[in-house]
Amino acid sequence: SPTLLSCISPASTIGLAPVSITLNGVDFMPNETLVYESIKLPQIKSMQPTIGTLYGRTTVVLNTTALHENQRLACHFGENAVSASYLSSNSASCTAPPVDATSVVN
């Protein structure tokens, strides 16, 4: 596309970094507004409860690390994705969806 530019972010430290582009590998176009944020990926430490009914509607609370309030969060129950709610930097909750009685969820 003549209007899109795709880049792969390099490994970096956690934090904000300005983004600029070059057309010749030497002269970079300054940019005051585009900023890329490198974050630590969250990890799930535990969840409660660990069991629910086939009918769904069980609220599951996840104990995590490194959540960010302004991120779009989701929980995956097998192939089913549902939105999650930010509770704190270390917890989120989501509601388990109904499950087909013949399917297995790991």
Protein backbone atom coordinates (compact mmCIF):
# COMPACT_ATOMS: atom_id res chain seq x y z
CA SER A 1 0.00 0.00 0.00
CA PRO A 2 1.34 3.49 -0.76
CA THR A 3 -0.01 4.82 2.56
CA LEU A 4 0.94 2.07 5.05
CA LEU A 5 4.30 1.29 6.59
CA SER A 6 4.87 -1.88 8.59
CA CYS A 7 7.71 -2.29 11.09
CA ILE A 8 8.77 -5.00 13.53
CA SER A 9 9.65 -3.64 16.94
CA PRO A 10 13.13 -4.56 18.15
CA ALA A 11 13.82 -6.00 21.59
CA SER A 12 13.92 -3.11 24.03
CA THR A 13 13.50 -2.09 27.61
CA ILE A 14 10.08 -1.50 29.14
CA GLY A 15 8.87 2.04 28.48
CA LEU A 16 8.04 4.59 25.82
CA ALA A 17 10.03 5.22 22.64
CA PRO A 18 9.39 7.77 19.88
CA VAL A 19 8.88 6.34 16.39
CA SER A 20 10.36 7.97 13.29
CA ILE A 21 10.89 6.86 9.70
CA THR A 22 13.56 7.25 7.03
CA LEU A 23 13.39 6.91 3.29
CA ASN A 24 17.15 6.63 2.77
CA GLY A 25 18.49 4.95 5.94
CA VAL A 26 20.21 8.18 7.08
CA ASP A 27 17.79 11.08 7.36
CA PHE A 28 15.02 10.38 9.86
CA MET A 29 11.79 12.35 9.83
CA PRO A 30 11.17 13.77 13.30
CA ASN A 31 7.92 12.85 14.93
CA GLU A 32 6.52 14.36 18.10
CA THR A 33 3.28 12.38 18.26
CA LEU A 34 3.97 8.71 17.51
CA VAL A 35 5.15 6.80 20.57
CA TYR A 36 5.52 3.05 20.96
CA GLU A 37 5.20 1.46 24.40
CA SER A 38 7.09 -1.72 25.28
CA ILE A 39 5.37 -3.60 28.09
CA LYS A 40 6.02 -6.70 30.14
CA LEU A 41 3.63 -9.49 29.13
CA PRO A 42 1.23 -10.49 31.88
CA GLN A 43 1.29 -14.00 33.29
CA ILE A 44 -1.53 -15.82 35.08
CA LYS A 45 -0.51 -16.91 38.58
CA SER A 46 -3.85 -18.42 39.65
CA MET A 47 -7.60 -18.22 39.11
CA GLN A 48 -10.70 -18.68 41.23
CA PRO A 49 -12.84 -20.67 40.83
CA THR A 50 -11.18 -23.36 38.74
CA ILE A 51 -14.47 -25.13 38.02
CA GLY A 52 -17.88 -24.00 36.78
CA THR A 53 -21.08 -25.30 35.22
CA LEU A 54 -21.68 -26.12 31.55
CA TYR A 55 -24.19 -23.26 31.49
CA GLY A 56 -21.46 -20.63 31.91
CA ARG A 57 -22.05 -17.33 33.72
CA THR A 58 -19.39 -18.19 36.32
CA THR A 59 -17.28 -15.13 37.20
CA VAL A 60 -13.62 -16.10 37.14
CA VAL A 61 -11.03 -13.88 38.85
CA LEU A 62 -7.47 -14.13 37.55
CA ASN A 63 -4.46 -13.35 39.74
CA THR A 64 -1.85 -12.05 37.30
CA THR A 65 1.24 -9.94 36.83
CA ALA A 66 1.74 -6.76 34.82
CA LEU A 67 -1.76 -5.86 33.65
CA HIS A 68 -2.32 -2.43 32.14
CA GLU A 69 -5.63 -0.62 32.63
CA ASN A 70 -5.90 0.74 29.10
CA GLN A 71 -5.40 -2.57 27.31
CA ARG A 72 -8.20 -4.61 25.79
CA LEU A 73 -8.31 -7.79 27.88
CA ALA A 74 -9.87 -11.15 27.03
CA CYS A 75 -10.13 -14.63 28.54
CA HIS A 76 -10.05 -17.75 26.37
CA PHE A 77 -12.00 -20.81 27.46
CA GLY A 78 -10.92 -23.38 24.90
CA GLU A 79 -11.92 -21.84 21.55
CA ASN A 80 -14.28 -19.29 23.15
CA ALA A 81 -12.97 -15.78 23.79
CA VAL A 82 -14.83 -13.41 26.12
CA SER A 83 -13.99 -9.89 27.22
CA ALA A 84 -12.30 -9.43 30.59
CA SER A 85 -12.52 -6.57 33.08
CA TYR A 86 -9.45 -4.89 34.58
CA LEU A 87 -9.60 -4.98 38.39
CA SER A 88 -6.03 -3.95 39.24
CA SER A 89 -2.48 -4.31 37.92
CA ASN A 90 -2.57 -7.83 39.37
CA SER A 91 -6.11 -9.02 38.68
CA ALA A 92 -8.86 -9.24 36.07
CA SER A 93 -12.21 -10.99 35.86
CA CYS A 94 -14.28 -12.54 33.11
CA THR A 95 -17.47 -14.54 32.81
CA ALA A 96 -17.18 -18.13 31.58
CA PRO A 97 -19.27 -18.82 28.46
CA PRO A 98 -21.62 -21.80 28.13
CA VAL A 99 -19.95 -25.00 26.91
CA ASP A 100 -21.34 -27.63 24.57
CA ALA A 101 -21.77 -30.75 26.73
CA THR A 102 -19.95 -32.84 24.14
CA SER A 103 -16.82 -30.66 23.97
CA VAL A 104 -13.76 -30.78 26.20
CA VAL A 105 -12.11 -27.58 27.51
CA ASN A 106 -8.51 -27.79 28.67
